[in-house]
Amino acid sequence: MYVINSISEKHRLVSLPEPLHPLVSVVRVADMRFVDSAIWEQFSVNFYCISLKKNIAGKTKYGQQYYDYDKGVMTFVAPKQVMSLDASQTEILKPASGYALFIHPDFLYKHPLASTIKNCGFFSYKVNEALHLSEKEERNIVEIFQKIEEEYQHIDKHTQDIILSQIDLLLNYSNRFYERQFITRKAVNHDILTRTETLLNEYFENSNGLQSGLPTVDALAQQLNLSPHYLSDLLRSLTGQSAQQHIQEKLIERAKEYLSVTNFSVAEIAYQLGFEHPQSFNKLFKKKVNISPLEFRQTFN
């Protein structure tokens, strides 16, 4: 795998002149020329990349999924994420339209944005979970890209603060637009919610906890072909609960069933659900129900 360590190196690899600022750069997708197709078969970058792309002829691969950019979409890549371009398609060497913003982590050093950007779940989304913008939303994003590009043309003591404020605005807009996308894709998202419920029900009905332990967000997301962060954000938008909270609710629901209709001991129920230690089960149950499993069982006697 090829690792691109700096924004300057990225510029060279896509046939662009040296960046005016070493730690932040806005480039036009139409100006990019991929000079060595072997590099793009599997690569990562050591900086953030936020892109708005349209009419890309080739395809980008992320994980096992390909995504084409026939329509305008935004994607977010954090440092060290592994990606690839489909090197078998010569069309990837042809330009399209849009912008890409590169931000080195050092540019955010000691600024609150350094933590904020790490907490933005969409940097962990898969490419096929990209943000699709309306024309108005797209104009807002393009204006921010252009403002950042304009600002570092003449660097002074105010440049960094102004660019950081624009990046903060970009992240806030992105959060808003993703929340809008969760709503506008409500029918599809409700289907994912139904499938999530089905997978969890099957997990407990088949006593998978005994063999595999507690169900995890990563495993659940993988079965749904989603990234863990996207699944959590989607479920939170629909139900107010993250994927982990959803799993815990199912655990408690099934535990209550065991406690009320079986003679299993509390330890046996804990193992049945996938807990390695009964104490962990007791702690979670009391946290969620406000009484211990034994106290809950006694309410049925």
Foldseek 3Di string as FASTA:
>chain_A
DAEAEWPQSVCVQQVHHGALDGFKDKDWQQSGAHDDQVDQQKYFYQWKKKWWFACQPWWKDADHDTDDHPDTWIAIAHGPRMIHTPSVDPSNRHGGGTMMMTGHLVLCPPHPVNVVVVPLLRNQWTPVLTQHDDPVLRVVLVVLSVVLNVLSVPDDPCSSVVNVVSVVVNSVSVVVSSLVVLVVCVVVLVVLVVVLVVVLVVCLVVLVLLVPAADDLCVSCVVVVIGSSVQQVSCCSVPVGGSVVVSLVSLLVVLLVCLAPHPDDLQRSCSSNRHPDSVVVQVSNCVVVVDGSVVSSVVND
